[in-house]
Amino acid sequence: MHRTIKILHLAALTAAAAVVLATTTDVAAQSQNCAPLEKVVLRLAEGYGETRQSMGMGGNNSVVEVFASDETGSWTITVTMPTGLTCVVASGQQFEELAEALPTTDQDA
């Protein structure tokens, strides 16, 4: 059940990231918070204590990843394009892992 919840949360984050990707050109991406994946992962680890919490495939063969720190509560969502360019699309505080149960099918929504 816990894995299903993570997948649903990642799907919502992927949809949001897809909107950002759809409106971002390569030229615009280079002027944002973008760098090769290795540099972004190192910066998130050293600067914020964040580690990869989940990942999934987004639109246009992009990879969407969620990084977070259990100690500080900071979180970051990145999108890595097929070219290898990784961009930070969102970040914030108070990260919390949820394990909500899905509603049963016999209940009205």
N, C-alpha and C. Protein backbone atom coordinates (compact mmCIF):
# COMPACT_ATOMS: atom_id res chain seq x y z
N MET A 1 0.83 -1.19 0.00
CA MET A 1 0.00 0.00 0.00
C MET A 1 0.87 1.25 0.00
N HIS A 2 1.95 1.21 0.77
CA HIS A 2 2.84 2.37 0.88
C HIS A 2 3.42 2.74 -0.47
N ARG A 3 3.76 1.76 -1.27
CA ARG A 3 4.34 2.00 -2.60
C ARG A 3 3.31 2.65 -3.51
N THR A 4 2.06 2.24 -3.42
CA THR A 4 0.99 2.83 -4.24
C THR A 4 0.83 4.30 -3.95
N ILE A 5 0.90 4.69 -2.70
CA ILE A 5 0.77 6.09 -2.33
C ILE A 5 1.91 6.90 -2.92
N LYS A 6 3.12 6.37 -2.83
CA LYS A 6 4.27 7.07 -3.41
C LYS A 6 4.10 7.25 -4.91
N ILE A 7 3.59 6.24 -5.57
CA ILE A 7 3.39 6.32 -7.02
C ILE A 7 2.35 7.38 -7.35
N LEU A 8 1.28 7.47 -6.58
CA LEU A 8 0.26 8.49 -6.82
C LEU A 8 0.82 9.89 -6.59
N HIS A 9 1.61 10.07 -5.55
CA HIS A 9 2.21 11.37 -5.29
C HIS A 9 3.19 11.74 -6.40
N LEU A 10 3.97 10.78 -6.85
CA LEU A 10 4.92 11.04 -7.92
C LEU A 10 4.19 11.38 -9.21
N ALA A 11 3.05 10.75 -9.45
CA ALA A 11 2.27 11.06 -10.66
C ALA A 11 1.81 12.51 -10.65
N ALA A 12 1.37 12.99 -9.49
CA ALA A 12 0.96 14.39 -9.39
C ALA A 12 2.13 15.32 -9.61
N LEU A 13 3.28 15.00 -9.04
CA LEU A 13 4.47 15.82 -9.23
C LEU A 13 4.93 15.77 -10.68
N THR A 14 4.81 14.62 -11.30
CA THR A 14 5.20 14.48 -12.70
C THR A 14 4.33 15.34 -13.59
N ALA A 15 3.04 15.36 -13.31
CA ALA A 15 2.14 16.20 -14.10
C ALA A 15 2.52 17.67 -14.00
N ALA A 16 2.85 18.11 -12.81
CA ALA A 16 3.26 19.51 -12.62
C ALA A 16 4.56 19.79 -13.36
N ALA A 17 5.49 18.87 -13.28
CA ALA A 17 6.76 19.06 -13.97
C ALA A 17 6.59 19.04 -15.48
N ALA A 18 5.65 18.23 -15.96
CA ALA A 18 5.40 18.17 -17.40
C ALA A 18 4.91 19.51 -17.93
N VAL A 19 4.09 20.18 -17.14
CA VAL A 19 3.62 21.51 -17.54
C VAL A 19 4.80 22.47 -17.65
N VAL A 20 5.70 22.41 -16.70
CA VAL A 20 6.89 23.26 -16.75
C VAL A 20 7.73 22.92 -17.97
N LEU A 21 7.92 21.64 -18.22
CA LEU A 21 8.73 21.22 -19.38
C LEU A 21 8.09 21.65 -20.69
N ALA A 22 6.78 21.57 -20.76
CA ALA A 22 6.09 21.91 -22.00
C ALA A 22 6.24 23.39 -22.34
N THR A 23 6.46 24.21 -21.33
CA THR A 23 6.57 25.65 -21.57
C THR A 23 8.01 26.14 -21.52
N THR A 24 8.97 25.23 -21.41
CA THR A 24 10.38 25.61 -21.30
C THR A 24 11.13 25.16 -22.54
N THR A 25 11.81 26.08 -23.20
CA THR A 25 12.66 25.72 -24.32
C THR A 25 14.06 25.44 -23.81
N ASP A 26 14.91 24.86 -24.64
CA ASP A 26 16.29 24.57 -24.23
C ASP A 26 17.04 25.85 -23.85
N VAL A 27 16.81 26.92 -24.59
CA VAL A 27 17.49 28.19 -24.28
C VAL A 27 17.03 28.71 -22.93
N ALA A 28 15.73 28.65 -22.68
CA ALA A 28 15.21 29.12 -21.39
C ALA A 28 15.70 28.22 -20.26
N ALA A 29 15.77 26.91 -20.51
CA ALA A 29 16.22 25.98 -19.47
C ALA A 29 17.64 26.27 -19.04
N GLN A 30 18.48 26.66 -19.99
CA GLN A 30 19.87 26.93 -19.65
C GLN A 30 20.01 28.17 -18.77
N SER A 31 19.03 29.07 -18.82
CA SER A 31 19.11 30.27 -17.99
C SER A 31 18.48 30.04 -16.62
N GLN A 32 17.81 28.91 -16.42
CA GLN A 32 17.21 28.58 -15.13
C GLN A 32 18.24 27.85 -14.28
N ASN A 33 17.77 27.22 -13.23
CA ASN A 33 18.64 26.46 -12.33
C ASN A 33 18.90 25.08 -12.93
N CYS A 34 19.73 25.03 -13.96
CA CYS A 34 20.01 23.79 -14.67
C CYS A 34 21.52 23.51 -14.71
N ALA A 35 21.85 22.23 -14.69
CA ALA A 35 23.24 21.79 -14.77
C ALA A 35 23.22 20.29 -15.05
N PRO A 36 24.38 19.70 -15.33
CA PRO A 36 24.42 18.23 -15.46
C PRO A 36 23.95 17.56 -14.16
N LEU A 37 23.32 16.41 -14.30
CA LEU A 37 22.72 15.70 -13.16
C LEU A 37 23.70 15.55 -12.00
N GLU A 38 24.92 15.15 -12.27
CA GLU A 38 25.89 14.90 -11.20
C GLU A 38 26.12 16.15 -10.36
N LYS A 39 26.18 17.30 -11.00
CA LYS A 39 26.40 18.56 -10.27
C LYS A 39 25.19 18.91 -9.41
N VAL A 40 23.98 18.69 -9.94
CA VAL A 40 22.77 19.00 -9.19
C VAL A 40 22.66 18.10 -7.97
N VAL A 41 22.89 16.80 -8.14
CA VAL A 41 22.80 15.84 -7.03
C VAL A 41 23.82 16.19 -5.95
N LEU A 42 25.05 16.54 -6.36
CA LEU A 42 26.08 16.91 -5.40
C LEU A 42 25.70 18.18 -4.64
N ARG A 43 25.18 19.17 -5.34
CA ARG A 43 24.78 20.44 -4.72
C ARG A 43 23.65 20.21 -3.72
N LEU A 44 22.67 19.38 -4.07
CA LEU A 44 21.56 19.11 -3.15
C LEU A 44 22.04 18.35 -1.92
N ALA A 45 22.97 17.43 -2.10
CA ALA A 45 23.49 16.65 -0.97
C ALA A 45 24.35 17.51 -0.06
N GLU A 46 25.29 18.24 -0.63
CA GLU A 46 26.22 19.03 0.18
C GLU A 46 25.58 20.30 0.74
N GLY A 47 24.74 20.95 -0.05
CA GLY A 47 24.17 22.21 0.39
C GLY A 47 22.93 22.09 1.26
N TYR A 48 22.16 21.01 1.06
CA TYR A 48 20.88 20.90 1.75
C TYR A 48 20.68 19.56 2.47
N GLY A 49 21.61 18.63 2.31
CA GLY A 49 21.47 17.32 2.93
C GLY A 49 20.36 16.49 2.32
N GLU A 50 19.99 16.80 1.08
CA GLU A 50 18.89 16.09 0.43
C GLU A 50 19.38 14.87 -0.32
N THR A 51 18.58 13.81 -0.28
CA THR A 51 18.84 12.59 -1.03
C THR A 51 17.61 12.27 -1.87
N ARG A 52 17.80 11.45 -2.88
CA ARG A 52 16.70 11.07 -3.77
C ARG A 52 15.67 10.25 -3.00
N GLN A 53 14.43 10.69 -3.05
CA GLN A 53 13.34 10.00 -2.36
C GLN A 53 12.47 9.19 -3.31
N SER A 54 12.28 9.70 -4.53
CA SER A 54 11.48 8.98 -5.52
C SER A 54 11.82 9.50 -6.91
N MET A 55 11.44 8.73 -7.91
CA MET A 55 11.69 9.13 -9.29
C MET A 55 10.69 8.44 -10.21
N GLY A 56 10.52 9.01 -11.39
CA GLY A 56 9.62 8.42 -12.38
C GLY A 56 9.80 9.08 -13.73
N MET A 57 9.20 8.49 -14.74
CA MET A 57 9.29 9.03 -16.09
C MET A 57 8.24 10.11 -16.29
N GLY A 58 8.68 11.21 -16.88
CA GLY A 58 7.78 12.31 -17.22
C GLY A 58 7.57 12.36 -18.72
N GLY A 59 6.98 13.44 -19.18
CA GLY A 59 6.76 13.63 -20.60
C GLY A 59 8.06 13.82 -21.35
N ASN A 60 8.04 13.54 -22.63
CA ASN A 60 9.20 13.72 -23.51
C ASN A 60 10.43 12.94 -23.04
N ASN A 61 10.21 11.77 -22.43
CA ASN A 61 11.31 10.92 -21.93
C ASN A 61 12.17 11.61 -20.88
N SER A 62 11.58 12.51 -20.13
CA SER A 62 12.31 13.16 -19.04
C SER A 62 12.17 12.31 -17.77
N VAL A 63 13.08 12.53 -16.84
CA VAL A 63 13.05 11.83 -15.56
C VAL A 63 12.76 12.87 -14.47
N VAL A 64 11.71 12.64 -13.69
CA VAL A 64 11.34 13.53 -12.60
C VAL A 64 11.79 12.87 -11.30
N GLU A 65 12.50 13.66 -10.47
CA GLU A 65 13.01 13.12 -9.20
C GLU A 65 12.66 14.06 -8.06
N VAL A 66 12.39 13.47 -6.92
CA VAL A 66 12.13 14.23 -5.70
C VAL A 66 13.27 13.95 -4.74
N PHE A 67 13.93 15.01 -4.29
CA PHE A 67 15.00 14.93 -3.30
C PHE A 67 14.47 15.59 -2.03
N ALA A 68 14.88 15.09 -0.87
CA ALA A 68 14.44 15.69 0.38
C ALA A 68 15.41 15.34 1.51
N SER A 69 15.34 16.13 2.57
CA SER A 69 16.14 15.90 3.76
C SER A 69 15.20 15.62 4.93
N ASP A 70 15.36 14.46 5.56
CA ASP A 70 14.57 14.13 6.75
C ASP A 70 14.94 15.03 7.92
N GLU A 71 16.17 15.52 7.94
CA GLU A 71 16.63 16.34 9.06
C GLU A 71 16.12 17.77 8.99
N THR A 72 16.22 18.39 7.81
CA THR A 72 15.84 19.81 7.68
C THR A 72 14.43 20.00 7.14
N GLY A 73 13.88 19.00 6.47
CA GLY A 73 12.56 19.11 5.86
C GLY A 73 12.57 19.80 4.50
N SER A 74 13.76 20.16 3.99
CA SER A 74 13.80 20.78 2.67
C SER A 74 13.55 19.73 1.60
N TRP A 75 13.00 20.16 0.46
CA TRP A 75 12.74 19.26 -0.65
C TRP A 75 12.96 19.98 -1.97
N THR A 76 13.27 19.20 -3.01
CA THR A 76 13.52 19.73 -4.34
C THR A 76 12.99 18.75 -5.37
N ILE A 77 12.35 19.27 -6.41
CA ILE A 77 11.90 18.45 -7.54
C ILE A 77 12.75 18.84 -8.74
N THR A 78 13.34 17.84 -9.39
CA THR A 78 14.15 18.09 -10.57
C THR A 78 13.57 17.34 -11.77
N VAL A 79 13.90 17.84 -12.95
CA VAL A 79 13.55 17.17 -14.20
C VAL A 79 14.82 17.06 -15.02
N THR A 80 15.16 15.84 -15.42
CA THR A 80 16.33 15.62 -16.27
C THR A 80 15.83 15.29 -17.67
N MET A 81 16.28 16.09 -18.62
CA MET A 81 15.88 15.91 -20.01
C MET A 81 16.77 14.87 -20.68
N PRO A 82 16.34 14.29 -21.80
CA PRO A 82 17.15 13.28 -22.49
C PRO A 82 18.56 13.77 -22.84
N THR A 83 18.74 15.06 -22.94
CA THR A 83 20.06 15.62 -23.24
C THR A 83 21.02 15.52 -22.07
N GLY A 84 20.49 15.20 -20.87
CA GLY A 84 21.31 15.12 -19.67
C GLY A 84 21.25 16.36 -18.81
N LEU A 85 20.59 17.40 -19.31
CA LEU A 85 20.45 18.64 -18.55
C LEU A 85 19.38 18.44 -17.47
N THR A 86 19.74 18.75 -16.22
CA THR A 86 18.83 18.61 -15.10
C THR A 86 18.45 20.00 -14.59
N CYS A 87 17.15 20.23 -14.42
CA CYS A 87 16.66 21.53 -13.96
C CYS A 87 15.86 21.37 -12.67
N VAL A 88 16.06 22.31 -11.75
CA VAL A 88 15.25 22.37 -10.54
C VAL A 88 13.95 23.08 -10.92
N VAL A 89 12.82 22.40 -10.72
CA VAL A 89 11.54 22.99 -11.10
C VAL A 89 10.73 23.45 -9.89
N ALA A 90 11.07 22.97 -8.70
CA ALA A 90 10.37 23.39 -7.49
C ALA A 90 11.19 23.01 -6.28
N SER A 91 11.04 23.78 -5.21
CA SER A 91 11.71 23.45 -3.95
C SER A 91 10.93 24.09 -2.82
N GLY A 92 11.16 23.59 -1.62
CA GLY A 92 10.44 24.14 -0.48
C GLY A 92 10.88 23.53 0.83
N GLN A 93 10.05 23.69 1.82
CA GLN A 93 10.33 23.23 3.18
C GLN A 93 9.20 22.32 3.67
N GLN A 94 9.43 21.73 4.81
CA GLN A 94 8.47 20.89 5.53
C GLN A 94 8.08 19.63 4.76
N PHE A 95 9.07 18.97 4.16
CA PHE A 95 8.81 17.70 3.47
C PHE A 95 8.32 16.69 4.48
N GLU A 96 7.33 15.94 4.08
CA GLU A 96 6.76 14.92 4.95
C GLU A 96 6.34 13.74 4.09
N GLU A 97 6.78 12.57 4.45
CA GLU A 97 6.39 11.37 3.72
C GLU A 97 5.02 10.93 4.23
N LEU A 98 4.10 10.71 3.32
CA LEU A 98 2.74 10.34 3.69
C LEU A 98 2.47 8.88 3.33
N ALA A 99 1.60 8.27 4.10
CA ALA A 99 1.15 6.92 3.82
C ALA A 99 -0.36 6.88 3.99
N GLU A 100 -1.05 7.65 3.14
CA GLU A 100 -2.51 7.72 3.23
C GLU A 100 -3.12 6.52 2.53
N ALA A 101 -4.21 6.04 3.09
CA ALA A 101 -4.92 4.91 2.49
C ALA A 101 -5.81 5.41 1.36
N LEU A 102 -5.94 4.62 0.34
CA LEU A 102 -6.85 4.95 -0.75
C LEU A 102 -8.29 4.72 -0.27
N PRO A 103 -9.22 5.54 -0.77
CA PRO A 103 -10.62 5.30 -0.38
C PRO A 103 -11.10 3.97 -0.96
N THR A 104 -11.98 3.31 -0.24
CA THR A 104 -12.51 2.06 -0.72
C THR A 104 -13.50 2.34 -1.86
N THR A 105 -13.69 1.36 -2.72
CA THR A 105 -14.54 1.56 -3.90
C THR A 105 -16.01 1.61 -3.56
N ASP A 106 -16.42 1.16 -2.37
CA ASP A 106 -17.83 1.18 -2.02
C ASP A 106 -18.27 2.50 -1.37
N GLN A 107 -17.35 3.46 -1.27
CA GLN A 107 -17.69 4.77 -0.71
C GLN A 107 -17.90 5.78 -1.83
N ASP A 108 -18.81 6.73 -1.61
CA ASP A 108 -18.99 7.82 -2.56
C ASP A 108 -17.81 8.77 -2.45
N ALA A 109 -17.42 9.31 -3.57
CA ALA A 109 -16.30 10.25 -3.57
C ALA A 109 -16.74 11.63 -3.17
